[in-house]
């Protein structure tokens, strides 16, 4: 297998997750082919880069903090097409509802090398191995001490 292609595909998946978590929506959309599809669990299905990016943009507001980490990639390449399986660990903090979600899954991806020579995601999706939610009110010592999307605290106040 061409190690340069393998590294390009790894970097693509990492960029997809980084731009998702950092809410860099134009860069996120650029990781997807125009006709990309996505299936997140049993309930969320999308067709087209614009639909995927718009859902993320409007759903993952500044009130929702996400961290997606993938590891243990299994990548296969056949010319200008590739597949990838990735172990996912993620955390979602919904600040407005004082709720935390933790989960794990395996992403199943398909990639295409586009006319501009860049690899993009043609399909991505996962089914959960598990998902747990809890209210931060159930954990008396829980405190969100940093949030890049929160409004700056006024001098002399405690940050949210």
C-alpha atoms as a PDB file:
ATOM      1  CA  UNK A   1       0.000   0.000   0.000  1.00  0.00           C
ATOM      2  CA  UNK A   2       1.192   3.513  -0.805  1.00  0.00           C
ATOM      3  CA  UNK A   3       2.118   5.043   2.559  1.00  0.00           C
ATOM      4  CA  UNK A   4       1.581   8.599   1.294  1.00  0.00           C
ATOM      5  CA  UNK A   5      -2.033   7.772   0.379  1.00  0.00           C
ATOM      6  CA  UNK A   6      -2.540   6.087   3.725  1.00  0.00           C
ATOM      7  CA  UNK A   7      -1.329   9.227   5.516  1.00  0.00           C
ATOM      8  CA  UNK A   8      -3.543  11.468   3.348  1.00  0.00           C
ATOM      9  CA  UNK A   9      -6.578   9.394   4.338  1.00  0.00           C
ATOM     10  CA  UNK A  10      -5.676   9.523   8.026  1.00  0.00           C
ATOM     11  CA  UNK A  11      -5.244  13.283   7.862  1.00  0.00           C
ATOM     12  CA  UNK A  12      -8.585  13.606   6.045  1.00  0.00           C
ATOM     13  CA  UNK A  13     -10.451  11.799   8.820  1.00  0.00           C
ATOM     14  CA  UNK A  14      -8.653  13.770  11.507  1.00  0.00           C
ATOM     15  CA  UNK A  15      -9.462  17.037   9.675  1.00  0.00           C
ATOM     16  CA  UNK A  16     -13.132  16.012   9.397  1.00  0.00           C
ATOM     17  CA  UNK A  17     -13.289  15.579  13.185  1.00  0.00           C
ATOM     18  CA  UNK A  18     -11.205  18.647  14.063  1.00  0.00           C
ATOM     19  CA  UNK A  19     -13.292  20.940  11.865  1.00  0.00           C
ATOM     20  CA  UNK A  20     -16.478  19.397  13.276  1.00  0.00           C
ATOM     21  CA  UNK A  21     -15.375  19.976  16.879  1.00  0.00           C
ATOM     22  CA  UNK A  22     -14.015  23.461  16.133  1.00  0.00           C
ATOM     23  CA  UNK A  23     -17.166  24.393  14.190  1.00  0.00           C
ATOM     24  CA  UNK A  24     -15.115  25.362  11.102  1.00  0.00           C
ATOM     25  CA  UNK A  25     -18.026  24.656   8.773  1.00  0.00           C
ATOM     26  CA  UNK A  26     -16.520  25.579   5.395  1.00  0.00           C
ATOM     27  CA  UNK A  27     -13.440  23.454   6.091  1.00  0.00           C
ATOM     28  CA  UNK A  28     -15.693  20.664   7.395  1.00  0.00           C
ATOM     29  CA  UNK A  29     -17.746  20.720   4.174  1.00  0.00           C
ATOM     30  CA  UNK A  30     -14.532  20.548   2.136  1.00  0.00           C
ATOM     31  CA  UNK A  31     -13.739  17.124   3.649  1.00  0.00           C
ATOM     32  CA  UNK A  32     -16.835  15.713   1.890  1.00  0.00           C
ATOM     33  CA  UNK A  33     -17.606  14.933  -1.732  1.00  0.00           C
ATOM     34  CA  UNK A  34     -20.501  16.914  -3.184  1.00  0.00           C
ATOM     35  CA  UNK A  35     -22.707  13.788  -3.189  1.00  0.00           C
ATOM     36  CA  UNK A  36     -21.507  12.452   0.176  1.00  0.00           C
ATOM     37  CA  UNK A  37     -23.846  10.460   2.395  1.00  0.00           C
ATOM     38  CA  UNK A  38     -23.822  10.103   6.172  1.00  0.00           C
ATOM     39  CA  UNK A  39     -25.554   7.838   8.697  1.00  0.00           C
ATOM     40  CA  UNK A  40     -25.055   8.678  12.350  1.00  0.00           C
ATOM     41  CA  UNK A  41     -26.685   5.940  14.361  1.00  0.00           C
ATOM     42  CA  UNK A  42     -30.114   4.608  13.504  1.00  0.00           C
ATOM     43  CA  UNK A  43     -31.892   7.980  13.236  1.00  0.00           C
ATOM     44  CA  UNK A  44     -29.759  10.463  11.318  1.00  0.00           C
ATOM     45  CA  UNK A  45     -29.266  10.012   7.566  1.00  0.00           C
ATOM     46  CA  UNK A  46     -28.163  12.650   5.075  1.00  0.00           C
ATOM     47  CA  UNK A  47     -27.533  12.835   1.342  1.00  0.00           C
ATOM     48  CA  UNK A  48     -25.254  15.530  -0.051  1.00  0.00           C
ATOM     49  CA  UNK A  49     -22.419  17.612   1.375  1.00  0.00           C
ATOM     50  CA  UNK A  50     -24.672  20.638   1.819  1.00  0.00           C
ATOM     51  CA  UNK A  51     -27.252  18.685   3.840  1.00  0.00           C
ATOM     52  CA  UNK A  52     -24.594  17.172   6.109  1.00  0.00           C
ATOM     53  CA  UNK A  53     -22.808  20.469   6.694  1.00  0.00           C
ATOM     54  CA  UNK A  54     -26.050  22.406   7.222  1.00  0.00           C
ATOM     55  CA  UNK A  55     -27.276  19.918   9.817  1.00  0.00           C
ATOM     56  CA  UNK A  56     -24.009  20.168  11.728  1.00  0.00           C
ATOM     57  CA  UNK A  57     -23.900  23.958  11.445  1.00  0.00           C
ATOM     58  CA  UNK A  58     -27.445  24.427  12.751  1.00  0.00           C
ATOM     59  CA  UNK A  59     -27.400  21.656  15.366  1.00  0.00           C
ATOM     60  CA  UNK A  60     -23.932  21.971  16.890  1.00  0.00           C
ATOM     61  CA  UNK A  61     -24.397  25.527  18.102  1.00  0.00           C
ATOM     62  CA  UNK A  62     -22.002  27.188  20.554  1.00  0.00           C
ATOM     63  CA  UNK A  63     -24.156  25.675  23.350  1.00  0.00           C
ATOM     64  CA  UNK A  64     -22.930  22.207  22.334  1.00  0.00           C
ATOM     65  CA  UNK A  65     -19.300  21.269  22.868  1.00  0.00           C
ATOM     66  CA  UNK A  66     -18.059  18.137  21.113  1.00  0.00           C
ATOM     67  CA  UNK A  67     -14.871  16.104  21.136  1.00  0.00           C
ATOM     68  CA  UNK A  68     -14.561  13.253  18.639  1.00  0.00           C
ATOM     69  CA  UNK A  69     -11.489  11.035  18.699  1.00  0.00           C
ATOM     70  CA  UNK A  70     -10.783   8.162  16.335  1.00  0.00           C
ATOM     71  CA  UNK A  71      -8.081   5.548  16.450  1.00  0.00           C
ATOM     72  CA  UNK A  72      -7.173   2.055  15.264  1.00  0.00           C
ATOM     73  CA  UNK A  73      -7.806   2.748  11.564  1.00  0.00           C
ATOM     74  CA  UNK A  74      -8.219  -0.131   9.141  1.00  0.00           C
ATOM     75  CA  UNK A  75      -7.784   1.399   5.691  1.00  0.00           C
ATOM     76  CA  UNK A  76      -7.939  -0.254   2.284  1.00  0.00           C
ATOM     77  CA  UNK A  77      -7.107   1.499  -0.991  1.00  0.00           C
ATOM     78  CA  UNK A  78      -8.120   0.494  -4.512  1.00  0.00           C
ATOM     79  CA  UNK A  79      -7.002   3.116  -7.024  1.00  0.00           C
ATOM     80  CA  UNK A  80      -8.974   6.322  -6.466  1.00  0.00           C
ATOM     81  CA  UNK A  81     -11.317   4.717  -3.933  1.00  0.00           C
ATOM     82  CA  UNK A  82     -10.703   3.630  -0.364  1.00  0.00           C
ATOM     83  CA  UNK A  83     -12.505   2.355   2.706  1.00  0.00           C
ATOM     84  CA  UNK A  84     -11.825   2.952   6.365  1.00  0.00           C
ATOM     85  CA  UNK A  85     -13.014   1.651   9.700  1.00  0.00           C
ATOM     86  CA  UNK A  86     -12.220   3.772  12.752  1.00  0.00           C
ATOM     87  CA  UNK A  87     -12.876   3.265  16.468  1.00  0.00           C
ATOM     88  CA  UNK A  88     -14.678   6.379  17.798  1.00  0.00           C
ATOM     89  CA  UNK A  89     -14.803   7.774  21.320  1.00  0.00           C
ATOM     90  CA  UNK A  90     -16.807  10.960  21.729  1.00  0.00           C
ATOM     91  CA  UNK A  91     -18.066  13.370  24.333  1.00  0.00           C
ATOM     92  CA  UNK A  92     -20.866  15.881  23.856  1.00  0.00           C
ATOM     93  CA  UNK A  93     -21.586  18.568  26.444  1.00  0.00           C
ATOM     94  CA  UNK A  94     -24.930  20.334  26.069  1.00  0.00           C
ATOM     95  CA  UNK A  95     -24.378  23.414  28.202  1.00  0.00           C
ATOM     96  CA  UNK A  96     -27.965  24.732  28.020  1.00  0.00           C
ATOM     97  CA  UNK A  97     -29.349  21.486  29.445  1.00  0.00           C
ATOM     98  CA  UNK A  98     -26.377  20.726  31.732  1.00  0.00           C
ATOM     99  CA  UNK A  99     -26.074  17.291  30.143  1.00  0.00           C
ATOM    100  CA  UNK A 100     -23.117  15.155  29.051  1.00  0.00           C
ATOM    101  CA  UNK A 101     -23.210  12.336  26.530  1.00  0.00           C
ATOM    102  CA  UNK A 102     -20.381   9.807  26.160  1.00  0.00           C
ATOM    103  CA  UNK A 103     -20.235   7.095  23.558  1.00  0.00           C
ATOM    104  CA  UNK A 104     -18.265   4.765  21.362  1.00  0.00           C
ATOM    105  CA  UNK A 105     -18.807   3.390  17.889  1.00  0.00           C
ATOM    106  CA  UNK A 106     -17.022   2.282  14.749  1.00  0.00           C
ATOM    107  CA  UNK A 107     -17.061   4.635  11.776  1.00  0.00           C
ATOM    108  CA  UNK A 108     -17.398   2.956   8.372  1.00  0.00           C
ATOM    109  CA  UNK A 109     -16.145   5.313   5.668  1.00  0.00           C
ATOM    110  CA  UNK A 110     -15.698   5.372   1.906  1.00  0.00           C
ATOM    111  CA  UNK A 111     -13.302   7.821   0.281  1.00  0.00           C
ATOM    112  CA  UNK A 112     -12.815   9.108  -3.253  1.00  0.00           C
ATOM    113  CA  UNK A 113      -9.833  10.869  -4.785  1.00  0.00           C
ATOM    114  CA  UNK A 114     -11.456  13.861  -6.493  1.00  0.00           C
ATOM    115  CA  UNK A 115     -10.552  15.585  -9.765  1.00  0.00           C
ATOM    116  CA  UNK A 116      -8.405  18.122  -7.865  1.00  0.00           C
ATOM    117  CA  UNK A 117      -6.309  15.217  -6.493  1.00  0.00           C
ATOM    118  CA  UNK A 118      -7.629  15.591  -2.924  1.00  0.00           C
ATOM    119  CA  UNK A 119      -9.190  12.700  -1.054  1.00  0.00           C
ATOM    120  CA  UNK A 120     -12.665  13.382   0.320  1.00  0.00           C
ATOM    121  CA  UNK A 121     -15.224  11.403   2.268  1.00  0.00           C
ATOM    122  CA  UNK A 122     -17.923   9.918   0.012  1.00  0.00           C
ATOM    123  CA  UNK A 123     -19.731   8.190   2.883  1.00  0.00           C
ATOM    124  CA  UNK A 124     -19.346   8.222   6.637  1.00  0.00           C
ATOM    125  CA  UNK A 125     -21.383   6.713   9.402  1.00  0.00           C
ATOM    126  CA  UNK A 126     -21.478   4.670  12.559  1.00  0.00           C
ATOM    127  CA  UNK A 127     -23.689   2.587  14.820  1.00  0.00           C
ATOM    128  CA  UNK A 128     -23.160   3.005  18.528  1.00  0.00           C
ATOM    129  CA  UNK A 129     -21.545   0.356  20.690  1.00  0.00           C
ATOM    130  CA  UNK A 130     -22.844   2.304  23.659  1.00  0.00           C
ATOM    131  CA  UNK A 131     -24.042   5.749  24.627  1.00  0.00           C
ATOM    132  CA  UNK A 132     -24.564   7.113  28.118  1.00  0.00           C
ATOM    133  CA  UNK A 133     -26.003  10.432  29.253  1.00  0.00           C
ATOM    134  CA  UNK A 134     -26.046  12.118  32.607  1.00  0.00           C
ATOM    135  CA  UNK A 135     -27.023  15.431  34.079  1.00  0.00           C
ATOM    136  CA  UNK A 136     -24.117  17.403  35.462  1.00  0.00           C
ATOM    137  CA  UNK A 137     -26.438  18.273  38.340  1.00  0.00           C
ATOM    138  CA  UNK A 138     -25.937  14.666  39.490  1.00  0.00           C
ATOM    139  CA  UNK A 139     -22.209  15.334  39.939  1.00  0.00           C
ATOM    140  CA  UNK A 140     -21.904  18.064  42.588  1.00  0.00           C
ATOM    141  CA  UNK A 141     -18.243  18.806  41.845  1.00  0.00           C
ATOM    142  CA  UNK A 142     -18.728  19.088  38.062  1.00  0.00           C
ATOM    143  CA  UNK A 143     -17.733  22.479  36.660  1.00  0.00           C
ATOM    144  CA  UNK A 144     -17.109  23.661  33.112  1.00  0.00           C
ATOM    145  CA  UNK A 145     -13.965  25.746  33.597  1.00  0.00           C
ATOM    146  CA  UNK A 146     -13.231  26.552  29.941  1.00  0.00           C
ATOM    147  CA  UNK A 147     -15.465  26.956  26.891  1.00  0.00           C
ATOM    148  CA  UNK A 148     -14.143  28.639  23.758  1.00  0.00           C
ATOM    149  CA  UNK A 149     -17.699  29.471  22.623  1.00  0.00           C
ATOM    150  CA  UNK A 150     -18.923  31.026  25.872  1.00  0.00           C
ATOM    151  CA  UNK A 151     -19.173  34.755  26.180  1.00  0.00           C
ATOM    152  CA  UNK A 152     -16.319  36.163  28.223  1.00  0.00           C
ATOM    153  CA  UNK A 153     -17.126  36.473  31.896  1.00  0.00           C
ATOM    154  CA  UNK A 154     -17.391  39.967  33.310  1.00  0.00           C
ATOM    155  CA  UNK A 155     -14.523  40.968  35.601  1.00  0.00           C
ATOM    156  CA  UNK A 156     -14.999  39.635  39.112  1.00  0.00           C
ATOM    157  CA  UNK A 157     -17.445  36.854  38.063  1.00  0.00           C
ATOM    158  CA  UNK A 158     -16.991  33.115  37.815  1.00  0.00           C
ATOM    159  CA  UNK A 159     -16.693  31.751  34.268  1.00  0.00           C
ATOM    160  CA  UNK A 160     -19.464  29.451  33.091  1.00  0.00           C
END
